[in-house]
Protein backbone atom coordinates (compact mmCIF):
# COMPACT_ATOMS: atom_id res chain seq x y z
CA MET A 1 -50.31 -0.30 11.86
CA PRO A 2 -53.03 -0.37 14.25
CA ARG A 3 -54.11 3.57 15.81
CA ASP A 4 -54.11 3.90 18.93
CA SER A 5 -56.10 7.18 19.65
CA ARG A 6 -54.27 7.72 23.08
CA LEU A 7 -51.30 8.37 22.08
CA PRO A 8 -50.74 12.18 21.68
CA LYS A 9 -49.81 13.04 18.10
CA GLU A 10 -46.15 13.49 18.67
CA GLU A 11 -45.88 10.44 19.88
CA LEU A 12 -47.52 8.62 17.32
CA GLU A 13 -45.66 11.16 14.50
CA GLU A 14 -42.46 9.58 16.82
CA ARG A 15 -43.09 6.48 15.90
CA VAL A 16 -44.34 6.48 12.29
CA ALA A 17 -40.77 8.23 11.71
CA ILE A 18 -38.86 5.13 13.66
CA LEU A 19 -40.77 2.67 11.75
CA LYS A 20 -39.76 4.10 8.54
CA ARG A 21 -36.25 5.02 9.39
CA PHE A 22 -36.30 1.11 10.62
CA ARG A 23 -37.93 -0.28 7.62
CA GLU A 24 -35.50 2.15 5.10
CA LEU A 25 -32.37 0.98 6.86
CA LEU A 26 -33.54 -2.92 6.75
CA VAL A 27 -34.17 -2.71 2.72
CA ARG A 28 -30.85 -1.01 2.75
CA GLN A 29 -29.42 -3.82 4.54
CA ARG A 30 -30.97 -6.34 2.42
CA ASP A 31 -30.28 -4.85 -0.69
CA LYS A 32 -26.51 -4.88 0.87
CA PHE A 33 -27.10 -8.38 1.19
CA SER A 34 -28.02 -9.05 -2.22
CA GLU A 35 -25.62 -7.51 -3.88
CA TYR A 36 -23.11 -9.09 -1.72
CA LEU A 37 -24.60 -12.56 -2.75
CA SER A 38 -24.31 -11.43 -6.63
CA VAL A 39 -20.20 -10.13 -6.17
CA LEU A 40 -19.86 -13.97 -4.34
CA ASP A 41 -20.93 -15.44 -7.74
CA ARG A 42 -19.12 -13.79 -9.82
CA GLN A 43 -15.74 -14.32 -7.36
CA HIS A 44 -16.95 -18.14 -7.86
CA SER A 45 -17.20 -18.52 -11.53
CA ASP A 46 -13.45 -15.90 -10.90
CA ILE A 47 -12.28 -18.56 -9.17
CA GLU A 48 -13.12 -21.10 -11.63
CA SER A 49 -11.75 -19.53 -14.63
CA GLY A 50 -8.65 -18.59 -12.92
CA ASP A 51 -8.87 -14.70 -14.11
CA VAL A 52 -6.97 -13.06 -11.28
CA ASP A 53 -7.79 -9.36 -12.15
CA ALA A 54 -11.36 -9.80 -12.04
CA LEU A 55 -11.07 -12.05 -8.96
CA VAL A 56 -8.76 -8.92 -7.22
CA SER A 57 -11.78 -6.64 -8.51
CA HIS A 58 -14.60 -8.47 -7.20
CA VAL A 59 -12.72 -9.13 -3.85
CA GLU A 60 -12.12 -5.05 -3.56
CA ARG A 61 -15.88 -4.70 -4.22
CA GLU A 62 -16.67 -6.94 -1.30
CA GLN A 63 -14.67 -5.44 0.98
CA GLY A 64 -16.78 -2.48 0.35
CA ILE A 65 -20.22 -3.57 0.45
CA VAL A 66 -19.19 -5.41 3.85
CA SER A 67 -18.23 -1.81 5.37
CA GLU A 68 -21.31 -0.52 4.06
CA ILE A 69 -23.11 -3.37 6.02
CA PHE A 70 -21.57 -2.68 9.21
CA ALA A 71 -22.19 0.82 8.87
CA VAL A 72 -25.58 0.11 8.15
CA GLN A 73 -25.90 -2.26 10.91
CA LYS A 74 -24.38 -0.15 13.53
CA VAL A 75 -27.03 2.06 12.67
CA ILE A 76 -30.06 -0.46 12.63
CA ALA A 77 -29.48 -1.92 16.22
CA PRO A 78 -30.14 1.18 18.31
CA LEU A 79 -32.75 1.86 16.14
CA GLU A 80 -34.57 -1.82 16.65
CA ASP A 81 -33.99 -0.71 20.63
CA MET A 82 -35.96 2.49 19.78
CA TYR A 83 -38.66 0.43 17.20
CA ARG A 84 -39.02 -2.43 20.20
CA ALA A 85 -39.80 0.27 22.74
CA ALA A 86 -42.20 2.11 20.81
CA TYR A 87 -43.78 -0.96 18.98
CA ALA A 88 -43.92 -2.99 22.26
CA GLY A 89 -46.14 -5.93 21.70
CA THR A 90 -47.37 -4.53 18.10
CA GLU A 91 -45.39 -5.48 15.34
CA PRO A 92 -46.17 -3.26 12.12
CA GLU A 93 -46.90 -4.74 8.97
CA GLY A 94 -43.78 -5.96 7.07
CA ILE A 95 -41.40 -5.40 9.52
CA ASP A 96 -41.12 -9.66 9.96
CA ASP A 97 -41.05 -10.24 6.51
CA LEU A 98 -37.81 -8.07 5.81
CA LYS A 99 -36.11 -9.81 8.62
CA THR A 100 -37.18 -13.20 7.85
CA THR A 101 -35.58 -12.17 4.27
CA LEU A 102 -32.30 -10.31 5.64
CA SER A 103 -31.67 -13.19 7.85
CA ASP A 104 -32.04 -15.80 4.78
CA LEU A 105 -29.46 -13.39 2.44
CA LYS A 106 -27.15 -13.44 5.31
CA GLU A 107 -27.00 -17.46 5.47
CA LYS A 108 -26.71 -18.08 1.59
CA VAL A 109 -23.90 -15.09 1.91
CA VAL A 110 -21.97 -16.98 4.72
CA VAL A 111 -22.59 -20.44 2.95
CA LYS A 112 -21.11 -18.76 -0.49
CA ASN A 113 -18.32 -17.48 1.35
CA ALA A 114 -17.17 -20.45 2.39
CA GLU A 115 -17.91 -21.88 -0.38
CA ASN A 116 -15.83 -19.85 -2.50
CA ARG A 117 -12.91 -19.92 0.39
CA ALA A 118 -13.01 -23.78 -0.12
CA LEU A 119 -12.44 -23.44 -3.81
CA LEU A 120 -10.07 -20.68 -3.43
CA LYS A 121 -7.77 -23.04 -1.03
CA GLN A 122 -8.47 -25.62 -3.66
CA ARG A 123 -7.35 -23.69 -6.43
CA MET A 124 -4.22 -22.26 -4.67
CA GLU A 125 -2.74 -26.17 -3.58
CA MET A 126 -3.58 -26.89 -7.41
CA LEU A 127 -1.41 -24.07 -8.64
CA ARG A 128 0.91 -25.01 -6.23
CA LYS A 129 1.64 -28.61 -7.17
CA GLU A 130 1.70 -27.01 -10.61
CA VAL A 131 4.36 -25.10 -10.05
CA MET A 132 6.25 -27.57 -7.85
CA THR A 133 6.39 -29.64 -11.05
CA ILE A 134 7.56 -27.38 -13.28
CA GLY A 135 11.15 -27.28 -13.70
CA GLY A 136 13.02 -24.21 -14.58
CA PRO A 137 14.43 -23.86 -18.31
CA TYR A 138 17.66 -25.34 -17.46
CA ALA A 139 16.17 -28.30 -15.61
CA LYS A 140 16.64 -30.79 -17.95
CA ARG A 141 19.82 -29.74 -19.70
CA LYS A 142 23.50 -30.51 -18.57
CA SER A 143 26.01 -28.29 -17.77
CA VAL A 144 28.60 -27.41 -19.91
CA TYR A 145 31.45 -28.29 -17.35
CA ALA A 146 29.50 -31.98 -16.76
CA SER A 147 31.89 -33.89 -19.12
CA GLN A 148 35.12 -32.49 -17.67
CA ALA A 149 36.66 -34.55 -15.08
CA GLU A 150 36.13 -33.23 -11.52
CA PRO A 151 39.64 -32.40 -9.74
CA SER A 152 40.57 -34.48 -6.93
CA ALA A 153 43.54 -32.75 -5.56
CA LEU A 154 43.83 -28.87 -4.72
CA ASP A 155 47.27 -27.05 -4.68
CA ILE A 156 47.86 -25.56 -1.50
CA GLU A 157 50.96 -23.86 -2.25
CA GLY A 158 49.95 -21.63 -5.07
């Protein structure tokens, strides 16, 4: 970050604090997206293997990560505005790289999530068909009454 000797010390300290906090939050966001991608990879293998318990566990973890991502994003948005105002026209080193990495991770998460949804939909359809082809335990057995003649008249006089 180039130092401008014309800036008062307080403003310079404020800029540095904003930059540090912004960078921290971007790193945290990047780590959350990496963790989310890892969970999506495990979900994919759970869907393929049919491990419902592990899948439920990963879905719960996914929901927690997504809520953490949204919480961090709520803080990042106003901080980014402050950052842009403080560093108008200049870009401190490393921020662009963090933003690019974060953007790439977001894209990978979206793609992986779509793949998992499609795989899960396919797996559910396969299970539905399998359930439809399975008959109950009595499906092929004849009723014990099948050999008796059916009544052809009904006595209504009683």
